[in-house]
Amino acid sequence: MQSRRDVQRQQSRRSFKKTVRNIVVTLLLVILVTWSVYAIANHPRAVAQKQATAMAKKYAGLKSTSGFYIYNRDQTYYTVAGKNAKGQTILVVVPQKEGDIRVLKQSAGLTASQAKSEVKTADNPKRVLKVAMGIFNNKPVWEVTYLNQKGNLCYDLISFTSGKSIQQINNL
């Protein structure tokens, strides 16, 4: 016959095991839900990147990729950065809807990090949020999105070829 203490110990062990099991199941559910939300939210971007990369490989001879940008202004553009068969670094700008695919040699203009540096030097932002390649007034531009020192959202368009500021939208 078991003593009262032995019975209490067994019940305590069962209770502990049940609590641990519940915690593990809850953590797994939280991880699964978080991953599902992320996957669903990221799906349109992943599809756009896959399609833009396929078009860049087909029409621009892109052999390897090193970056992907989404630009939204009057029209949406997807830009794939990478190298062509000759080993040259190129940017392939693909319009979302209609228009011509543009192939830009990186050596002909600013890199994303150079455009970011231009904005950091000129505007002293608190934090740069995004840099994206696109087309504005039929010319290639880098769009730099940042928070200014007051925490307000700002956009700068930097010319790909000259590095000059084309347009600024401040304090949104």
C-alpha atoms as a PDB file:
ATOM      1  CA  MET A   1       0.000   0.000   0.000  1.00  0.00           C
ATOM      2  CA  GLN A   2       1.246   3.460  -0.897  1.00  0.00           C
ATOM      3  CA  SER A   3       1.705   6.118   1.638  1.00  0.00           C
ATOM      4  CA  ARG A   4       0.039   9.444   1.297  1.00  0.00           C
ATOM      5  CA  ARG A   5       3.380  11.087   0.436  1.00  0.00           C
ATOM      6  CA  ASP A   6       4.022   8.650  -2.404  1.00  0.00           C
ATOM      7  CA  VAL A   7       0.594   9.355  -3.861  1.00  0.00           C
ATOM      8  CA  GLN A   8       1.188  13.098  -3.603  1.00  0.00           C
ATOM      9  CA  ARG A   9       4.607  12.753  -5.290  1.00  0.00           C
ATOM     10  CA  GLN A  10       3.092  10.791  -8.166  1.00  0.00           C
ATOM     11  CA  GLN A  11       0.340  13.357  -8.584  1.00  0.00           C
ATOM     12  CA  SER A  12       2.910  16.149  -8.445  1.00  0.00           C
ATOM     13  CA  ARG A  13       5.045  14.428 -11.154  1.00  0.00           C
ATOM     14  CA  ARG A  14       1.994  13.941 -13.375  1.00  0.00           C
ATOM     15  CA  SER A  15       1.009  17.560 -12.876  1.00  0.00           C
ATOM     16  CA  PHE A  16       4.558  18.721 -13.719  1.00  0.00           C
ATOM     17  CA  LYS A  17       4.688  16.547 -16.856  1.00  0.00           C
ATOM     18  CA  LYS A  18       1.287  17.822 -17.932  1.00  0.00           C
ATOM     19  CA  THR A  19       2.386  21.454 -17.420  1.00  0.00           C
ATOM     20  CA  VAL A  20       5.603  20.912 -19.402  1.00  0.00           C
ATOM     21  CA  ARG A  21       3.650  19.201 -22.193  1.00  0.00           C
ATOM     22  CA  ASN A  22       1.170  22.097 -22.320  1.00  0.00           C
ATOM     23  CA  ILE A  23       3.996  24.649 -22.481  1.00  0.00           C
ATOM     24  CA  VAL A  24       5.720  22.758 -25.315  1.00  0.00           C
ATOM     25  CA  VAL A  25       2.468  22.430 -27.286  1.00  0.00           C
ATOM     26  CA  THR A  26       1.714  26.134 -26.773  1.00  0.00           C
ATOM     27  CA  LEU A  27       5.205  27.139 -27.937  1.00  0.00           C
ATOM     28  CA  LEU A  28       4.903  24.935 -31.025  1.00  0.00           C
ATOM     29  CA  LEU A  29       1.532  26.494 -31.851  1.00  0.00           C
ATOM     30  CA  VAL A  30       2.913  30.009 -31.439  1.00  0.00           C
ATOM     31  CA  ILE A  31       5.861  29.181 -33.717  1.00  0.00           C
ATOM     32  CA  LEU A  32       3.553  27.609 -36.315  1.00  0.00           C
ATOM     33  CA  VAL A  33       1.145  30.563 -36.313  1.00  0.00           C
ATOM     34  CA  THR A  34       4.011  33.086 -36.514  1.00  0.00           C
ATOM     35  CA  TRP A  35       5.627  31.240 -39.411  1.00  0.00           C
ATOM     36  CA  SER A  36       2.273  30.974 -41.220  1.00  0.00           C
ATOM     37  CA  VAL A  37       1.563  34.694 -40.866  1.00  0.00           C
ATOM     38  CA  TYR A  38       5.063  35.536 -42.119  1.00  0.00           C
ATOM     39  CA  ALA A  39       4.786  33.166 -45.086  1.00  0.00           C
ATOM     40  CA  ILE A  40       1.380  34.530 -46.098  1.00  0.00           C
ATOM     41  CA  ALA A  41       2.515  38.139 -45.740  1.00  0.00           C
ATOM     42  CA  ASN A  42       5.728  37.549 -47.703  1.00  0.00           C
ATOM     43  CA  HIS A  43       4.107  35.519 -50.505  1.00  0.00           C
ATOM     44  CA  PRO A  44       3.407  38.411 -52.942  1.00  0.00           C
ATOM     45  CA  ARG A  45       6.988  39.651 -52.617  1.00  0.00           C
ATOM     46  CA  ALA A  46       8.387  36.163 -53.161  1.00  0.00           C
ATOM     47  CA  VAL A  47       6.234  35.666 -56.268  1.00  0.00           C
ATOM     48  CA  ALA A  48       7.257  39.081 -57.657  1.00  0.00           C
ATOM     49  CA  GLN A  49      10.930  38.327 -57.010  1.00  0.00           C
ATOM     50  CA  LYS A  50      10.698  34.947 -58.713  1.00  0.00           C
ATOM     51  CA  GLN A  51       8.946  36.385 -61.780  1.00  0.00           C
ATOM     52  CA  ALA A  52      11.278  39.392 -62.072  1.00  0.00           C
ATOM     53  CA  THR A  53      14.344  37.171 -61.733  1.00  0.00           C
ATOM     54  CA  ALA A  54      13.043  34.808 -64.435  1.00  0.00           C
ATOM     55  CA  MET A  55      12.456  37.747 -66.788  1.00  0.00           C
ATOM     56  CA  ALA A  56      15.891  39.199 -66.008  1.00  0.00           C
ATOM     57  CA  LYS A  57      17.529  35.865 -66.811  1.00  0.00           C
ATOM     58  CA  LYS A  58      15.561  35.469 -70.019  1.00  0.00           C
ATOM     59  CA  TYR A  59      15.777  38.995 -71.445  1.00  0.00           C
ATOM     60  CA  ALA A  60      18.916  40.454 -69.880  1.00  0.00           C
ATOM     61  CA  GLY A  61      21.162  37.413 -69.573  1.00  0.00           C
ATOM     62  CA  LEU A  62      21.364  37.612 -65.793  1.00  0.00           C
ATOM     63  CA  LYS A  63      23.447  34.713 -64.467  1.00  0.00           C
ATOM     64  CA  SER A  64      23.505  35.358 -60.721  1.00  0.00           C
ATOM     65  CA  THR A  65      21.513  37.594 -58.400  1.00  0.00           C
ATOM     66  CA  SER A  66      22.714  39.718 -55.509  1.00  0.00           C
ATOM     67  CA  GLY A  67      19.713  41.884 -54.668  1.00  0.00           C
ATOM     68  CA  PHE A  68      16.038  42.614 -55.218  1.00  0.00           C
ATOM     69  CA  TYR A  69      14.243  45.945 -54.886  1.00  0.00           C
ATOM     70  CA  ILE A  70      10.597  47.038 -55.088  1.00  0.00           C
ATOM     71  CA  TYR A  71       9.874  50.641 -56.096  1.00  0.00           C
ATOM     72  CA  ASN A  72       6.367  52.145 -55.846  1.00  0.00           C
ATOM     73  CA  ARG A  73       5.550  55.580 -57.206  1.00  0.00           C
ATOM     74  CA  ASP A  74       3.425  56.205 -60.298  1.00  0.00           C
ATOM     75  CA  GLN A  75       4.153  52.645 -61.324  1.00  0.00           C
ATOM     76  CA  THR A  76       5.641  49.640 -59.549  1.00  0.00           C
ATOM     77  CA  TYR A  77       9.052  48.387 -60.652  1.00  0.00           C
ATOM     78  CA  TYR A  78      10.946  45.307 -59.574  1.00  0.00           C
ATOM     79  CA  THR A  79      14.717  45.509 -59.873  1.00  0.00           C
ATOM     80  CA  VAL A  80      17.017  42.514 -59.808  1.00  0.00           C
ATOM     81  CA  ALA A  81      20.713  43.141 -59.191  1.00  0.00           C
ATOM     82  CA  GLY A  82      23.338  40.640 -60.236  1.00  0.00           C
ATOM     83  CA  LYS A  83      25.943  39.659 -62.784  1.00  0.00           C
ATOM     84  CA  ASN A  84      25.603  38.829 -66.461  1.00  0.00           C
ATOM     85  CA  ALA A  85      27.537  36.224 -68.478  1.00  0.00           C
ATOM     86  CA  LYS A  86      30.459  38.654 -68.894  1.00  0.00           C
ATOM     87  CA  GLY A  87      30.748  39.063 -65.126  1.00  0.00           C
ATOM     88  CA  GLN A  88      29.489  42.670 -65.223  1.00  0.00           C
ATOM     89  CA  THR A  89      27.296  43.868 -62.383  1.00  0.00           C
ATOM     90  CA  ILE A  90      23.918  44.910 -63.779  1.00  0.00           C
ATOM     91  CA  LEU A  91      20.529  46.104 -62.585  1.00  0.00           C
ATOM     92  CA  VAL A  92      17.482  44.803 -64.456  1.00  0.00           C
ATOM     93  CA  VAL A  93      14.424  47.007 -63.938  1.00  0.00           C
ATOM     94  CA  VAL A  94      11.175  45.164 -64.687  1.00  0.00           C
ATOM     95  CA  PRO A  95       7.870  47.072 -64.706  1.00  0.00           C
ATOM     96  CA  GLN A  96       5.049  45.362 -62.837  1.00  0.00           C
ATOM     97  CA  LYS A  97       2.455  45.900 -65.560  1.00  0.00           C
ATOM     98  CA  GLU A  98       3.553  47.181 -68.930  1.00  0.00           C
ATOM     99  CA  GLY A  99       6.666  48.753 -70.331  1.00  0.00           C
ATOM    100  CA  ASP A 100      10.158  47.901 -71.375  1.00  0.00           C
ATOM    101  CA  ILE A 101      12.645  45.997 -69.282  1.00  0.00           C
ATOM    102  CA  ARG A 102      15.708  48.159 -68.678  1.00  0.00           C
ATOM    103  CA  VAL A 103      19.200  46.849 -68.180  1.00  0.00           C
ATOM    104  CA  LEU A 104      21.590  49.206 -66.414  1.00  0.00           C
ATOM    105  CA  LYS A 105      25.291  48.618 -65.963  1.00  0.00           C
ATOM    106  CA  GLN A 106      26.134  49.265 -62.333  1.00  0.00           C
ATOM    107  CA  SER A 107      29.372  50.922 -63.430  1.00  0.00           C
ATOM    108  CA  ALA A 108      27.317  53.670 -65.155  1.00  0.00           C
ATOM    109  CA  GLY A 109      25.845  54.974 -61.918  1.00  0.00           C
ATOM    110  CA  LEU A 110      25.511  54.871 -58.164  1.00  0.00           C
ATOM    111  CA  THR A 111      25.170  51.724 -56.102  1.00  0.00           C
ATOM    112  CA  ALA A 112      22.467  51.393 -53.461  1.00  0.00           C
ATOM    113  CA  SER A 113      25.019  52.005 -50.705  1.00  0.00           C
ATOM    114  CA  GLN A 114      26.331  55.122 -52.467  1.00  0.00           C
ATOM    115  CA  ALA A 115      22.778  56.507 -52.770  1.00  0.00           C
ATOM    116  CA  LYS A 116      22.247  55.757 -49.079  1.00  0.00           C
ATOM    117  CA  SER A 117      25.497  57.566 -48.236  1.00  0.00           C
ATOM    118  CA  GLU A 118      24.417  60.599 -50.293  1.00  0.00           C
ATOM    119  CA  VAL A 119      21.235  60.877 -48.245  1.00  0.00           C
ATOM    120  CA  LYS A 120      23.064  60.304 -44.961  1.00  0.00           C
ATOM    121  CA  THR A 121      25.495  63.097 -45.811  1.00  0.00           C
ATOM    122  CA  ALA A 122      22.856  65.560 -47.049  1.00  0.00           C
ATOM    123  CA  ASP A 123      19.974  64.910 -44.641  1.00  0.00           C
ATOM    124  CA  ASN A 124      21.478  63.229 -41.557  1.00  0.00           C
ATOM    125  CA  PRO A 125      18.589  60.762 -41.087  1.00  0.00           C
ATOM    126  CA  LYS A 126      17.871  59.030 -37.809  1.00  0.00           C
ATOM    127  CA  ARG A 127      17.430  55.727 -39.646  1.00  0.00           C
ATOM    128  CA  VAL A 128      17.360  54.649 -43.308  1.00  0.00           C
ATOM    129  CA  LEU A 129      14.444  52.279 -43.866  1.00  0.00           C
ATOM    130  CA  LYS A 130      14.812  51.243 -47.499  1.00  0.00           C
ATOM    131  CA  VAL A 131      16.716  51.847 -50.713  1.00  0.00           C
ATOM    132  CA  ALA A 132      15.077  50.825 -54.000  1.00  0.00           C
ATOM    133  CA  MET A 133      15.815  51.251 -57.711  1.00  0.00           C
ATOM    134  CA  GLY A 134      13.031  52.448 -60.000  1.00  0.00           C
ATOM    135  CA  ILE A 135      12.087  54.712 -62.878  1.00  0.00           C
ATOM    136  CA  PHE A 136      10.931  58.314 -62.346  1.00  0.00           C
ATOM    137  CA  ASN A 137      10.206  60.632 -65.285  1.00  0.00           C
ATOM    138  CA  ASN A 138      11.657  57.952 -67.568  1.00  0.00           C
ATOM    139  CA  LYS A 139      15.030  58.025 -65.766  1.00  0.00           C
ATOM    140  CA  PRO A 140      16.551  55.487 -63.357  1.00  0.00           C
ATOM    141  CA  VAL A 141      16.584  56.628 -59.737  1.00  0.00           C
ATOM    142  CA  TRP A 142      17.339  55.340 -56.284  1.00  0.00           C
ATOM    143  CA  GLU A 143      14.538  55.951 -53.809  1.00  0.00           C
ATOM    144  CA  VAL A 144      15.837  56.271 -50.259  1.00  0.00           C
ATOM    145  CA  THR A 145      13.207  56.062 -47.528  1.00  0.00           C
ATOM    146  CA  TYR A 146      14.226  57.223 -44.082  1.00  0.00           C
ATOM    147  CA  LEU A 147      13.164  58.716 -40.760  1.00  0.00           C
ATOM    148  CA  ASN A 148      14.503  62.206 -40.130  1.00  0.00           C
ATOM    149  CA  GLN A 149      15.769  63.402 -36.743  1.00  0.00           C
ATOM    150  CA  LYS A 150      12.185  64.204 -35.660  1.00  0.00           C
ATOM    151  CA  GLY A 151      11.083  60.663 -36.533  1.00  0.00           C
ATOM    152  CA  ASN A 152       9.060  61.737 -39.591  1.00  0.00           C
ATOM    153  CA  LEU A 153       9.002  59.664 -42.774  1.00  0.00           C
ATOM    154  CA  CYS A 154      10.913  61.109 -45.753  1.00  0.00           C
ATOM    155  CA  TYR A 155      11.670  60.044 -49.329  1.00  0.00           C
ATOM    156  CA  ASP A 156      14.574  61.179 -51.502  1.00  0.00           C
ATOM    157  CA  LEU A 157      14.956  60.336 -55.171  1.00  0.00           C
ATOM    158  CA  ILE A 158      18.613  60.238 -56.216  1.00  0.00           C
ATOM    159  CA  SER A 159      19.592  60.139 -59.892  1.00  0.00           C
ATOM    160  CA  PHE A 160      21.255  56.840 -60.751  1.00  0.00           C
ATOM    161  CA  THR A 161      23.648  58.449 -63.227  1.00  0.00           C
ATOM    162  CA  SER A 162      24.497  61.829 -61.657  1.00  0.00           C
ATOM    163  CA  GLY A 163      23.904  61.194 -57.950  1.00  0.00           C
ATOM    164  CA  LYS A 164      21.952  64.453 -57.634  1.00  0.00           C
ATOM    165  CA  SER A 165      18.758  64.744 -55.644  1.00  0.00           C
ATOM    166  CA  ILE A 166      15.768  64.829 -58.006  1.00  0.00           C
ATOM    167  CA  GLN A 167      12.916  65.029 -55.530  1.00  0.00           C
ATOM    168  CA  GLN A 168      12.431  65.145 -51.780  1.00  0.00           C
ATOM    169  CA  ILE A 169       9.282  64.440 -49.803  1.00  0.00           C
ATOM    170  CA  ASN A 170       9.716  65.342 -46.157  1.00  0.00           C
ATOM    171  CA  ASN A 171       7.840  64.996 -42.889  1.00  0.00           C
ATOM    172  CA  LEU A 172       5.075  62.594 -43.802  1.00  0.00           C
END
